Amino acid sequence: MDIDMDVNTYQYKGKQTLVYTNNSPDVLNKVFYHLYFNAFQPGSEMDVRSRNIPDPDGRVGDRISKLNPDEIGYIKVSSLKQNGEILKHETVGTVLEVDLATPIQPGERVTFNMDFEAQVPVQIRRSGRNNNEGVALSMAQWYPKLAEYDFEGWHADPYIGREFHGVWGNFDVKLTLDKNYIVGGTGYLQNPNQIGYGYETGTVSRPNTDKLTWHYVAPNVHDFTWAADPNYIHDTAQVPNGPLLHFLYKSTMPREKLENWKNLQPKAVELMQFFSNNVGQYPYKQYSVIQGGDGGMEYGMCTLILGEGTFDGLFGVTAHEMGHSWFQFILASNELRHSWMDEGFTEYIGTLAESHIFNKDFEDLSKRVYGAYIYLAKSGKEQPQTTHSDRYNFNQAYSISAYYKGYVFLKQLAYVIGQENQEKTIKQYFNDFSFKHPRPIDFIRTAEKISGLELDWYLIDWTQTTNTIDYAVKSIEGNSITMERIGLMPMPIDVTVTYVDGTSEDFYIPLQIMRGEKPTAATILKDWAWAHPTYSFETPKTIKSVEIDPKGLMADLNRQNNKK
């Protein structure tokens, strides 16, 4: 792409040459492009949905409906050709519908040439100009982006407010804009000398021209994002045996905020090392943390985040968004259909990293996450995690389901299959499915292969239903215990029995449909078949008390009946 940006009008013109290979076994008669900036117009689906959902995102609210013509976002395609032949196309909201001149055969490669013009909206959500912290340009979802086609068909979803899905490709982008602006984002800068910018050192010696062209190359990514501002400070930090980290933030912030950004940098190095060691090696040569978002959002080789909060806030959002490089960007699960696979797993690994770096109790940090999920499960607002991200009735239900219930899925899996097996599963999943758009079944099958256990029930009940976990100690008589399953979701059970003589013993009750047991030092009892609502067993000594799941690793909705 060749882009020419006018920083005074916030309008830009672009030329895009896209070489597309049909890797599917199907003949394609149409293609679709995302035109995300069209969401920021009065009457758009994002605008209408925000004004009708019971709990609108405070960053959006009714702001889109009040945008003036020079404040809206748009992408207008003026010309589109397939192998030189002009194509018919129609803009429908945030999607460009294209009729092909010639069907694309399986394995065939075609070239699309496009001319377009666009306007950067006032920043409302993720992208835009002049955000609340004064960042000039946050350029995310800013270009006509070809939709993904796979075994499920086209993924030409409108942009209503949630997440994304994209096609892997190699990007070669030239950004021409005012010479006073500093740029950061996806990819590797190809021409630091031509723009007079020592990009690895942050030094600037600009040529005597009105505009400069920043040339970036980004191999094997599914998106390209950038941000620019005339007041960016640019720092770098090298991760040992890893990528170069870039930090771009405004020099006009108060001194204590600037100190936060300096203090963040060594911690960001530790984050990169933690994720690479505990998930898999980061495959790119750079990663950029850029002040420019309305919170935080993950992109290829970079994140755009708010920059003026507390240090704890700055670290927390950086940990989460950097973690997304693994559980979204490199794996690239479909965020619209399986948001919990990226948000929940990222929340988990980011919190685990925080506990490691700052020597915090991970179990204690996880309590609030379990609590949030249990609140949702009891609220009557929960929908299955298979719900399309845009189809949740409440924003809060989406957030808790994606971030917290997804976190609990991964955390609780360690209870089901054992901590060591869970850790091995995460690494094997990343190793096997990087750059492959994995689905939920891919993750759970990995866990099955690692653990040797049947786990389809766990995936189904937790993600495809709103079934809940509730096990109780029903009665104790001498050395006999009876427990009951009250919730619909099955689980294997850890039980600790304390005897009247002051000693205690751990027992493990396997779930029959798991067809095996997790590694455990506890006394293993006979299987509990799910259809049986109660389960009884006897102990060798007289019982004083019994507690189910004493470590609190299950998301049991009523822990009051876990102990007797």
Protein backbone atom coordinates (compact mmCIF):
# COMPACT_ATOMS: atom_id res chain seq x y z
CA MET A 1 0.00 0.00 0.00
CA ASP A 2 1.05 3.58 -0.71
CA ILE A 3 -0.63 6.07 1.60
CA ASP A 4 -0.56 9.88 1.46
CA MET A 5 -1.88 11.48 4.64
CA ASP A 6 -2.92 15.12 5.11
CA VAL A 7 -2.49 15.75 8.83
CA ASN A 8 -4.49 18.98 8.62
CA THR A 9 -7.69 17.53 7.14
CA TYR A 10 -7.12 13.99 8.47
CA GLN A 11 -7.86 12.68 5.03
CA TYR A 12 -5.66 10.29 3.09
CA LYS A 13 -5.45 8.62 -0.28
CA GLY A 14 -4.29 5.08 -0.82
CA LYS A 15 -3.27 2.69 -3.52
CA GLN A 16 -3.42 -0.99 -2.67
CA THR A 17 -2.04 -3.90 -4.65
CA LEU A 18 -3.17 -7.19 -3.18
CA VAL A 19 -1.96 -10.56 -4.42
CA TYR A 20 -4.42 -13.17 -3.21
CA THR A 21 -4.08 -16.95 -3.35
CA ASN A 22 -7.21 -19.06 -3.04
CA ASN A 23 -5.93 -21.74 -0.67
CA SER A 24 -9.38 -23.26 -0.29
CA PRO A 25 -10.82 -26.16 -2.34
CA ASP A 26 -13.71 -23.91 -3.40
CA VAL A 27 -14.29 -21.69 -6.42
CA LEU A 28 -14.75 -18.08 -5.28
CA ASN A 29 -17.24 -15.93 -7.18
CA LYS A 30 -17.13 -12.99 -4.79
CA VAL A 31 -14.76 -11.37 -2.34
CA PHE A 32 -15.43 -9.00 0.54
CA TYR A 33 -13.40 -6.23 2.14
CA HIS A 34 -13.81 -4.71 5.59
CA LEU A 35 -14.16 -0.91 5.64
CA TYR A 36 -13.96 -0.46 9.39
CA PHE A 37 -13.82 3.34 9.48
CA ASN A 38 -17.36 3.48 8.06
CA ALA A 39 -18.58 2.45 11.51
CA PHE A 40 -17.89 5.97 12.74
CA GLN A 41 -20.83 7.61 11.00
CA PRO A 42 -24.25 8.56 12.37
CA GLY A 43 -26.70 5.74 11.69
CA SER A 44 -24.04 3.04 11.40
CA GLU A 45 -24.63 -0.33 13.06
CA MET A 46 -22.05 0.56 15.71
CA ASP A 47 -23.87 3.82 16.41
CA VAL A 48 -27.35 2.28 16.54
CA ARG A 49 -26.30 -0.69 18.64
CA SER A 50 -24.51 1.56 21.12
CA ARG A 51 -27.64 3.64 21.53
CA ASN A 52 -29.87 0.60 22.04
CA ILE A 53 -27.88 -1.83 24.19
CA PRO A 54 -28.92 -1.57 27.87
CA ASP A 55 -25.37 -0.92 29.10
CA PRO A 56 -23.49 0.98 26.37
CA ASP A 57 -19.72 1.30 26.35
CA GLY A 58 -19.07 4.66 27.99
CA ARG A 59 -16.42 5.45 25.39
CA VAL A 60 -19.01 5.22 22.62
CA GLY A 61 -22.44 6.02 24.04
CA ASP A 62 -24.21 8.33 21.57
CA ARG A 63 -21.01 10.07 20.41
CA ILE A 64 -21.09 8.63 16.88
CA SER A 65 -24.57 10.02 16.30
CA LYS A 66 -23.28 13.52 17.02
CA LEU A 67 -20.30 13.52 14.63
CA ASN A 68 -20.14 16.27 12.03
CA PRO A 69 -19.19 15.46 8.41
CA ASP A 70 -15.58 16.53 9.01
CA GLU A 71 -15.40 14.31 12.15
CA ILE A 72 -16.75 11.04 10.78
CA GLY A 73 -14.68 8.16 9.49
CA TYR A 74 -15.02 6.73 6.02
CA ILE A 75 -13.27 4.62 3.42
CA LYS A 76 -14.41 5.12 -0.16
CA VAL A 77 -13.19 2.76 -2.85
CA SER A 78 -12.98 4.60 -6.17
CA SER A 79 -11.45 1.87 -8.32
CA LEU A 80 -11.01 -1.89 -8.01
CA LYS A 81 -9.57 -4.23 -10.62
CA GLN A 82 -8.95 -7.97 -10.81
CA ASN A 83 -5.96 -8.77 -13.00
CA GLY A 84 -6.53 -5.43 -14.71
CA GLU A 85 -10.27 -5.88 -15.26
CA ILE A 86 -12.64 -3.38 -13.61
CA LEU A 87 -14.91 -4.91 -10.96
CA LYS A 88 -18.39 -4.04 -9.76
CA HIS A 89 -18.53 -3.36 -6.05
CA GLU A 90 -20.96 -1.97 -3.50
CA THR A 91 -20.33 -0.50 -0.08
CA VAL A 92 -22.75 -1.90 2.50
CA GLY A 93 -21.98 -0.33 5.85
CA THR A 94 -18.53 -1.50 6.87
CA VAL A 95 -18.29 -4.17 4.17
CA LEU A 96 -17.39 -3.87 0.49
CA GLU A 97 -19.19 -6.48 -1.60
CA VAL A 98 -17.28 -7.34 -4.78
CA ASP A 99 -18.45 -9.34 -7.81
CA LEU A 100 -15.49 -10.95 -9.50
CA ALA A 101 -14.88 -10.65 -13.22
CA THR A 102 -13.60 -14.21 -13.28
CA PRO A 103 -14.08 -16.82 -10.53
CA ILE A 104 -10.95 -17.62 -8.56
CA GLN A 105 -10.15 -21.30 -8.88
CA PRO A 106 -8.66 -23.38 -6.03
CA GLY A 107 -4.95 -22.68 -5.85
CA GLU A 108 -5.19 -19.73 -8.24
CA ARG A 109 -3.39 -16.46 -7.54
CA VAL A 110 -4.94 -13.14 -8.62
CA THR A 111 -3.99 -9.49 -8.24
CA PHE A 112 -6.40 -6.82 -7.04
CA ASN A 113 -5.57 -3.14 -7.62
CA MET A 114 -7.50 -0.61 -5.60
CA ASP A 115 -7.62 3.17 -5.26
CA PHE A 116 -9.34 4.55 -2.20
CA GLU A 117 -9.70 7.67 -0.12
CA ALA A 118 -10.52 7.91 3.54
CA GLN A 119 -11.01 10.17 6.52
CA VAL A 120 -9.79 9.47 10.05
CA PRO A 121 -12.66 9.86 12.55
CA VAL A 122 -12.47 11.64 15.84
CA GLN A 123 -11.25 8.92 18.16
CA ILE A 124 -14.19 7.14 19.70
CA ARG A 125 -13.20 3.48 19.82
CA ARG A 126 -9.66 2.16 19.24
CA SER A 127 -8.95 4.15 16.07
CA GLY A 128 -9.06 7.82 15.28
CA ARG A 129 -7.52 11.23 15.67
CA ASN A 130 -6.84 13.51 18.63
CA ASN A 131 -7.80 11.18 21.44
CA ASN A 132 -8.32 12.32 25.02
CA GLU A 133 -4.57 12.22 25.64
CA GLY A 134 -3.85 14.31 22.55
CA VAL A 135 -2.37 11.63 20.30
CA ALA A 136 -2.78 12.83 16.72
CA LEU A 137 -3.28 9.62 14.75
CA SER A 138 -4.20 6.13 15.96
CA MET A 139 -4.48 4.16 12.75
CA ALA A 140 -6.06 0.78 13.48
CA GLN A 141 -8.52 -0.91 11.11
CA TRP A 142 -7.81 1.95 8.74
CA TYR A 143 -7.48 0.35 5.28
CA PRO A 144 -9.69 -1.85 3.05
CA LYS A 145 -8.96 -5.28 4.52
CA LEU A 146 -9.80 -8.44 2.63
CA ALA A 147 -12.11 -10.70 4.61
CA GLU A 148 -11.13 -14.22 5.64
CA TYR A 149 -12.47 -17.21 3.71
CA ASP A 150 -12.07 -20.67 5.23
CA PHE A 151 -13.92 -23.96 5.64
CA GLU A 152 -16.73 -22.04 7.35
CA GLY A 153 -17.08 -19.70 4.34
CA TRP A 154 -16.67 -15.93 4.28
CA HIS A 155 -16.17 -13.99 7.50
CA ALA A 156 -17.45 -10.65 6.24
CA ASP A 157 -18.86 -9.50 9.57
CA PRO A 158 -19.89 -5.86 9.95
CA TYR A 159 -17.95 -3.80 12.48
CA ILE A 160 -20.37 -3.22 15.34
CA GLY A 161 -17.96 -2.88 18.20
CA ARG A 162 -16.24 -6.12 19.08
CA GLU A 163 -13.38 -8.05 17.61
CA PHE A 164 -11.68 -9.05 14.37
CA HIS A 165 -10.53 -11.85 12.09
CA GLY A 166 -8.06 -11.57 9.23
CA VAL A 167 -6.05 -13.15 6.44
CA TRP A 168 -2.36 -13.91 6.82
CA GLY A 169 -0.16 -11.98 4.42
CA ASN A 170 3.05 -10.07 3.82
CA PHE A 171 2.65 -6.30 4.03
CA ASP A 172 4.71 -3.66 2.27
CA VAL A 173 3.46 -0.22 3.30
CA LYS A 174 4.65 3.29 2.54
CA LEU A 175 3.21 6.04 4.73
CA THR A 176 3.73 9.61 3.55
CA LEU A 177 2.87 12.37 6.01
CA ASP A 178 4.07 15.60 7.62
CA LYS A 179 7.83 15.49 8.34
CA ASN A 180 7.32 16.50 11.98
CA TYR A 181 5.46 13.31 12.86
CA ILE A 182 7.06 10.26 14.45
CA VAL A 183 5.54 6.92 13.40
CA GLY A 184 5.42 3.54 15.12
CA GLY A 185 3.50 0.33 14.57
CA THR A 186 3.51 -3.00 12.78
CA GLY A 187 6.53 -4.21 10.86
CA TYR A 188 10.12 -3.23 10.27
CA LEU A 189 11.15 0.25 9.16
CA GLN A 190 13.09 -0.05 5.90
CA ASN A 191 14.40 3.48 5.40
CA PRO A 192 15.51 5.12 8.67
CA ASN A 193 18.32 6.97 6.89
CA GLN A 194 16.03 8.43 4.22
CA ILE A 195 13.73 9.96 6.82
CA GLY A 196 16.63 11.11 8.97
CA TYR A 197 15.44 9.10 11.91
CA GLY A 198 17.62 6.85 14.03
CA TYR A 199 14.76 4.53 14.82
CA GLU A 200 16.71 2.28 17.15
CA THR A 201 18.15 5.20 19.08
CA GLY A 202 15.25 7.65 18.88
CA THR A 203 17.41 10.43 17.43
CA VAL A 204 15.90 12.71 14.81
CA SER A 205 17.52 14.71 12.04
CA ARG A 206 14.79 15.47 9.55
CA PRO A 207 15.39 16.30 5.90
CA ASN A 208 14.31 19.72 4.64
CA THR A 209 11.04 18.58 3.06
CA ASP A 210 7.37 19.02 3.92
CA LYS A 211 6.61 15.32 3.97
CA LEU A 212 8.48 12.11 4.64
CA THR A 213 7.69 8.55 3.58
CA TRP A 214 8.02 5.81 6.19
CA HIS A 215 8.49 2.44 4.52
CA TYR A 216 7.49 -0.64 6.52
CA VAL A 217 7.62 -4.34 5.74
CA ALA A 218 5.70 -6.84 7.88
CA PRO A 219 5.97 -10.54 7.02
CA ASN A 220 3.30 -13.07 7.93
CA VAL A 221 0.82 -10.89 9.80
CA HIS A 222 -2.96 -10.51 9.50
CA ASP A 223 -3.21 -6.80 10.17
CA PHE A 224 -1.19 -3.61 9.91
CA THR A 225 -1.49 -0.80 12.46
CA TRP A 226 0.35 2.45 13.04
CA ALA A 227 0.22 5.61 15.10
CA ALA A 228 1.84 9.00 14.62
CA ASP A 229 2.33 12.16 16.62
CA PRO A 230 4.78 15.11 16.43
CA ASN A 231 5.49 14.88 20.18
CA TYR A 232 6.35 11.22 20.51
CA ILE A 233 9.36 10.24 22.57
CA HIS A 234 10.86 7.04 21.20
CA ASP A 235 12.77 4.67 23.50
CA THR A 236 13.97 1.14 22.87
CA ALA A 237 14.87 -1.86 25.02
CA GLN A 238 16.48 -5.06 23.78
CA VAL A 239 15.09 -8.34 25.03
CA PRO A 240 17.97 -10.81 25.51
CA ASN A 241 17.65 -13.42 22.76
CA GLY A 242 14.42 -11.75 21.74
CA PRO A 243 12.95 -8.76 19.91
CA LEU A 244 13.73 -5.07 20.16
CA LEU A 245 11.01 -3.31 22.12
CA HIS A 246 9.91 0.18 21.07
CA PHE A 247 8.10 2.65 23.32
CA LEU A 248 6.40 5.69 21.82
CA TYR A 249 4.72 8.16 24.15
CA LYS A 250 4.02 11.88 24.26
CA SER A 251 6.67 14.20 25.66
CA THR A 252 3.94 16.61 26.80
CA MET A 253 2.76 14.37 29.65
CA PRO A 254 3.41 15.40 33.28
CA ARG A 255 6.79 14.33 34.68
CA GLU A 256 5.40 11.51 36.82
CA LYS A 257 3.65 10.02 33.78
CA LEU A 258 6.87 10.15 31.79
CA GLU A 259 8.61 8.37 34.67
CA ASN A 260 5.97 5.64 34.50
CA TRP A 261 6.91 5.03 30.86
CA LYS A 262 10.59 4.83 31.76
CA ASN A 263 9.88 2.41 34.59
CA LEU A 264 7.67 0.32 32.33
CA GLN A 265 10.47 -0.52 29.92
CA PRO A 266 12.49 -3.07 31.96
CA LYS A 267 9.23 -4.66 33.09
CA ALA A 268 8.13 -4.99 29.46
CA VAL A 269 11.35 -6.87 28.78
CA GLU A 270 10.46 -9.25 31.62
CA LEU A 271 6.97 -9.69 30.20
CA MET A 272 8.32 -10.63 26.78
CA GLN A 273 10.66 -13.15 28.37
CA PHE A 274 7.90 -14.63 30.54
CA PHE A 275 5.50 -15.11 27.64
CA SER A 276 8.18 -16.59 25.41
CA ASN A 277 9.22 -19.02 28.15
CA ASN A 278 5.71 -20.03 29.22
CA VAL A 279 3.80 -20.03 25.92
CA GLY A 280 6.28 -20.08 23.05
CA GLN A 281 9.02 -18.06 21.40
CA TYR A 282 7.92 -14.68 20.04
CA PRO A 283 8.56 -15.02 16.28
CA TYR A 284 9.07 -11.40 15.22
CA LYS A 285 12.03 -9.05 15.62
CA GLN A 286 10.21 -6.13 17.18
CA TYR A 287 7.28 -5.16 19.38
CA SER A 288 6.02 -1.63 20.04
CA VAL A 289 4.12 -0.21 23.02
CA ILE A 290 2.45 2.95 21.75
CA GLN A 291 0.43 5.61 23.53
CA GLY A 292 -2.58 5.97 21.30
CA GLY A 293 -5.57 3.91 22.38
CA ASP A 294 -8.77 4.40 24.32
CA GLY A 295 -7.80 1.69 26.78
CA GLY A 296 -5.76 -1.01 25.12
CA MET A 297 -6.00 -3.08 21.97
CA GLU A 298 -3.73 -5.70 20.45
CA TYR A 299 -2.30 -5.48 16.93
CA GLY A 300 0.46 -7.02 14.88
CA MET A 301 3.83 -6.45 16.61
CA CYS A 302 2.34 -3.58 18.62
CA THR A 303 -0.36 -2.32 20.93
CA LEU A 304 -2.10 1.04 21.25
CA ILE A 305 -2.79 1.93 24.89
CA LEU A 306 -3.70 4.84 27.13
CA GLY A 307 -0.59 6.40 28.57
CA GLU A 308 -1.50 8.73 31.43
CA GLY A 309 -2.75 6.37 34.13
CA THR A 310 -0.93 4.97 37.14
CA PHE A 311 2.13 2.76 36.75
CA ASP A 312 0.10 -0.26 37.85
CA GLY A 313 -2.48 0.53 35.19
CA LEU A 314 0.17 1.05 32.55
CA PHE A 315 1.86 -2.23 33.40
CA GLY A 316 -1.45 -4.11 33.55
CA VAL A 317 -2.65 -3.02 30.14
CA THR A 318 0.79 -3.65 28.62
CA ALA A 319 0.86 -7.16 30.12
CA HIS A 320 -2.56 -7.94 28.69
CA GLU A 321 -2.02 -6.46 25.24
CA MET A 322 1.46 -7.92 24.84
CA GLY A 323 0.06 -11.29 25.92
CA HIS A 324 -2.36 -10.99 23.01
CA SER A 325 0.58 -11.38 20.66
CA TRP A 326 0.40 -15.07 21.52
CA PHE A 327 -3.30 -15.63 22.24
CA GLN A 328 -4.69 -13.79 19.30
CA PHE A 329 -2.19 -12.41 16.92
CA ILE A 330 0.11 -15.38 16.35
CA LEU A 331 -2.53 -18.06 16.90
CA ALA A 332 -5.25 -15.87 15.34
CA SER A 333 -8.37 -17.58 16.59
CA ASN A 334 -11.58 -15.96 15.35
CA GLU A 335 -12.26 -13.29 17.97
CA LEU A 336 -15.81 -12.74 16.77
CA ARG A 337 -16.82 -16.37 17.31
CA HIS A 338 -14.47 -17.47 20.08
CA SER A 339 -13.59 -14.30 21.97
CA TRP A 340 -12.82 -16.26 25.14
CA MET A 341 -9.94 -18.04 23.39
CA ASP A 342 -8.01 -14.80 23.04
CA GLU A 343 -9.36 -12.55 25.81
CA GLY A 344 -9.65 -15.22 28.49
CA PHE A 345 -6.36 -16.92 27.76
CA THR A 346 -4.60 -13.55 27.56
CA GLU A 347 -6.11 -12.39 30.84
CA TYR A 348 -4.86 -15.61 32.41
CA ILE A 349 -1.31 -15.46 31.07
CA GLY A 350 -1.04 -11.71 31.75
CA THR A 351 -2.12 -12.18 35.36
CA LEU A 352 0.27 -15.11 35.74
CA ALA A 353 3.08 -12.90 34.41
CA GLU A 354 2.16 -10.14 36.86
CA SER A 355 2.27 -12.59 39.77
CA HIS A 356 5.69 -13.80 38.64
CA ILE A 357 7.25 -10.38 38.00
CA PHE A 358 5.94 -8.71 41.15
CA ASN A 359 5.98 -11.81 43.40
CA LYS A 360 2.20 -11.73 43.94
CA ASP A 361 0.00 -14.67 44.91
CA PHE A 362 -1.53 -15.96 41.66
CA GLU A 363 -4.29 -17.82 43.51
CA ASP A 364 -5.24 -14.62 45.30
CA LEU A 365 -5.27 -12.65 42.05
CA SER A 366 -7.52 -15.31 40.53
CA LYS A 367 -10.18 -15.02 43.23
CA ARG A 368 -11.68 -11.85 41.76
CA VAL A 369 -11.85 -13.52 38.35
CA TYR A 370 -13.74 -16.52 39.74
CA GLY A 371 -15.97 -14.09 41.60
CA ALA A 372 -16.80 -12.17 38.44
CA TYR A 373 -17.76 -15.35 36.60
CA ILE A 374 -19.92 -16.57 39.51
CA TYR A 375 -21.65 -13.19 39.61
CA LEU A 376 -22.49 -13.53 35.91
CA ALA A 377 -23.68 -17.14 36.27
CA LYS A 378 -26.08 -16.09 39.03
CA SER A 379 -27.23 -12.87 37.31
CA GLY A 380 -29.55 -14.39 34.74
CA LYS A 381 -27.69 -12.49 32.00
CA GLU A 382 -25.22 -15.17 31.01
CA GLN A 383 -25.16 -16.47 27.43
CA PRO A 384 -23.05 -19.38 26.13
CA GLN A 385 -19.50 -18.55 25.09
CA THR A 386 -20.41 -19.73 21.59
CA THR A 387 -22.45 -16.52 21.25
CA HIS A 388 -21.13 -14.26 18.50
CA SER A 389 -19.30 -11.36 20.15
CA ASP A 390 -21.75 -8.80 18.79
CA ARG A 391 -24.81 -10.77 19.85
CA TYR A 392 -24.53 -10.50 23.61
CA ASN A 393 -27.51 -8.78 25.21
CA PHE A 394 -25.27 -6.88 27.62
CA ASN A 395 -21.76 -5.51 27.26
CA GLN A 396 -21.06 -6.65 30.81
CA ALA A 397 -22.10 -10.22 29.96
CA TYR A 398 -19.75 -10.20 26.98
CA SER A 399 -16.84 -8.84 29.01
CA ILE A 400 -17.18 -11.27 31.90
CA SER A 401 -17.76 -14.22 29.57
CA ALA A 402 -14.84 -13.45 27.28
CA TYR A 403 -12.26 -12.24 29.78
CA TYR A 404 -13.15 -13.93 33.06
CA LYS A 405 -15.03 -17.09 32.15
CA GLY A 406 -12.33 -17.68 29.52
CA TYR A 407 -9.67 -17.21 32.22
CA VAL A 408 -11.45 -19.68 34.50
CA PHE A 409 -11.66 -22.21 31.64
CA LEU A 410 -7.87 -22.29 31.44
CA LYS A 411 -7.23 -22.01 35.19
CA GLN A 412 -9.78 -24.69 36.05
CA LEU A 413 -8.32 -26.99 33.40
CA ALA A 414 -5.31 -27.39 35.69
CA TYR A 415 -7.68 -28.74 38.33
CA VAL A 416 -9.15 -31.19 35.82
CA ILE A 417 -5.97 -32.56 34.20
CA GLY A 418 -3.22 -31.46 36.61
CA GLN A 419 -1.05 -28.34 36.66
CA GLU A 420 1.87 -29.84 34.75
CA ASN A 421 -0.41 -31.16 32.01
CA GLN A 422 -2.10 -27.77 31.71
CA GLU A 423 1.24 -26.02 31.27
CA LYS A 424 2.32 -28.57 28.67
CA THR A 425 -0.99 -28.12 26.85
CA ILE A 426 -0.52 -24.36 26.53
CA LYS A 427 2.94 -24.77 25.01
CA GLN A 428 1.92 -27.61 22.68
CA TYR A 429 -1.16 -25.72 21.51
CA PHE A 430 0.94 -22.69 20.63
CA ASN A 431 3.55 -24.83 18.92
CA ASP A 432 1.01 -26.77 16.86
CA PHE A 433 -1.39 -24.00 15.89
CA SER A 434 0.63 -20.81 15.46
CA PHE A 435 -0.45 -19.02 12.26
CA LYS A 436 -3.35 -21.47 11.76
CA HIS A 437 -6.54 -19.84 13.10
CA PRO A 438 -7.26 -22.59 15.69
CA ARG A 439 -10.74 -23.31 17.03
CA PRO A 440 -11.86 -24.46 20.51
CA ILE A 441 -11.73 -28.11 19.47
CA ASP A 442 -8.06 -27.69 18.54
CA PHE A 443 -7.22 -26.57 22.05
CA ILE A 444 -9.19 -29.26 23.85
CA ARG A 445 -7.83 -32.00 21.58
CA THR A 446 -4.33 -30.81 22.45
CA ALA A 447 -5.21 -31.10 26.14
CA GLU A 448 -6.58 -34.60 25.54
CA LYS A 449 -3.41 -35.73 23.80
CA ILE A 450 -1.21 -34.29 26.56
CA SER A 451 -3.26 -35.68 29.46
CA GLY A 452 -4.58 -38.90 27.92
CA LEU A 453 -8.07 -37.96 29.20
CA GLU A 454 -11.40 -37.42 27.47
CA LEU A 455 -12.29 -33.73 27.75
CA ASP A 456 -15.07 -33.07 25.23
CA TRP A 457 -17.55 -32.75 28.12
CA TYR A 458 -15.47 -29.90 29.58
CA LEU A 459 -15.45 -27.94 26.33
CA ILE A 460 -19.15 -28.54 25.69
CA ASP A 461 -20.54 -27.74 29.13
CA TRP A 462 -18.29 -24.77 29.82
CA THR A 463 -18.36 -23.02 26.45
CA GLN A 464 -21.51 -24.19 24.65
CA THR A 465 -23.98 -24.06 27.53
CA THR A 466 -24.56 -22.05 30.68
CA ASN A 467 -24.50 -25.16 32.86
CA THR A 468 -22.93 -24.51 36.24
CA ILE A 469 -20.89 -26.41 38.82
CA ASP A 470 -22.31 -27.05 42.28
CA TYR A 471 -21.26 -30.02 44.38
CA ALA A 472 -22.23 -30.46 48.03
CA VAL A 473 -21.48 -32.61 51.06
CA LYS A 474 -24.91 -34.07 51.74
CA SER A 475 -24.30 -36.12 54.87
CA ILE A 476 -21.68 -37.66 57.17
CA GLU A 477 -22.39 -40.70 59.29
CA GLY A 478 -19.48 -42.16 61.23
CA ASN A 479 -16.98 -43.04 58.53
CA SER A 480 -19.42 -42.74 55.61
CA ILE A 481 -19.78 -39.70 53.35
CA THR A 482 -22.49 -38.91 50.81
CA MET A 483 -22.03 -36.09 48.31
CA GLU A 484 -24.41 -34.72 45.73
CA ARG A 485 -24.20 -33.01 42.37
CA ILE A 486 -26.61 -30.07 42.27
CA GLY A 487 -25.35 -28.24 39.18
CA LEU A 488 -25.64 -29.73 35.71
CA MET A 489 -21.95 -29.53 34.84
CA PRO A 490 -19.92 -32.63 35.75
CA MET A 491 -16.48 -32.44 37.37
CA PRO A 492 -13.96 -34.76 38.97
CA ILE A 493 -13.80 -34.10 42.70
CA ASP A 494 -10.98 -33.43 45.16
CA VAL A 495 -12.04 -34.06 48.75
CA THR A 496 -10.19 -33.56 52.02
CA VAL A 497 -11.43 -35.53 55.02
CA THR A 498 -10.39 -34.55 58.54
CA TYR A 499 -10.71 -37.32 61.14
CA VAL A 500 -11.62 -37.00 64.79
CA ASP A 501 -8.05 -37.96 65.72
CA GLY A 502 -6.80 -34.75 64.07
CA THR A 503 -5.31 -36.35 60.96
CA SER A 504 -6.55 -35.70 57.43
CA GLU A 505 -6.63 -37.54 54.11
CA ASP A 506 -7.08 -36.38 50.52
CA PHE A 507 -9.34 -38.32 48.17
CA TYR A 508 -9.87 -38.04 44.43
CA ILE A 509 -13.12 -39.08 42.76
CA PRO A 510 -12.60 -39.47 39.00
CA LEU A 511 -15.32 -38.41 36.60
CA GLN A 512 -16.33 -41.50 34.67
CA ILE A 513 -16.58 -39.81 31.26
CA MET A 514 -12.97 -38.61 31.58
CA ARG A 515 -11.88 -42.27 31.20
CA GLY A 516 -8.93 -41.76 33.50
CA GLU A 517 -7.47 -39.70 36.31
CA LYS A 518 -5.23 -36.68 36.63
CA PRO A 519 -1.85 -37.16 38.32
CA THR A 520 -2.51 -37.01 42.05
CA ALA A 521 -1.06 -38.07 45.39
CA ALA A 522 -4.58 -38.44 46.81
CA THR A 523 -6.34 -41.73 47.44
CA ILE A 524 -8.17 -42.56 44.22
CA LEU A 525 -11.75 -43.76 44.62
CA LYS A 526 -14.16 -45.35 42.15
CA ASP A 527 -15.56 -43.24 39.28
CA TRP A 528 -18.60 -41.01 39.67
CA ALA A 529 -20.97 -41.36 36.71
CA TRP A 530 -22.58 -38.01 35.91
CA ALA A 531 -26.20 -39.23 35.78
CA HIS A 532 -26.04 -40.33 39.42
CA PRO A 533 -26.93 -37.31 41.55
CA THR A 534 -25.26 -38.69 44.67
CA TYR A 535 -22.02 -40.50 45.50
CA SER A 536 -21.07 -42.28 48.72
CA PHE A 537 -17.83 -43.71 50.05
CA GLU A 538 -16.37 -44.89 53.32
CA THR A 539 -13.18 -43.87 55.09
CA PRO A 540 -10.93 -45.95 57.36
CA LYS A 541 -11.51 -43.72 60.39
CA THR A 542 -14.29 -41.72 62.03
CA ILE A 543 -14.87 -38.42 60.30
CA LYS A 544 -14.83 -34.98 61.87
CA SER A 545 -15.31 -32.86 58.73
CA VAL A 546 -15.30 -33.05 54.93
CA GLU A 547 -14.49 -30.39 52.37
CA ILE A 548 -14.89 -30.55 48.58
CA ASP A 549 -12.19 -28.74 46.59
CA PRO A 550 -10.44 -27.15 49.59
CA LYS A 551 -8.10 -25.14 47.33
CA GLY A 552 -11.03 -23.45 45.59
CA LEU A 553 -9.91 -24.40 42.10
CA MET A 554 -13.40 -25.25 40.85
CA ALA A 555 -15.79 -22.46 39.87
CA ASP A 556 -18.41 -23.88 42.25
CA LEU A 557 -21.38 -21.55 42.47
CA ASN A 558 -22.10 -22.31 46.11
CA ARG A 559 -19.06 -23.02 48.22
CA GLN A 560 -21.17 -22.84 51.39
CA ASN A 561 -22.30 -26.43 50.85
CA ASN A 562 -18.80 -27.71 50.04
CA LYS A 563 -17.95 -28.26 53.69
CA LYS A 564 -19.64 -30.11 56.48
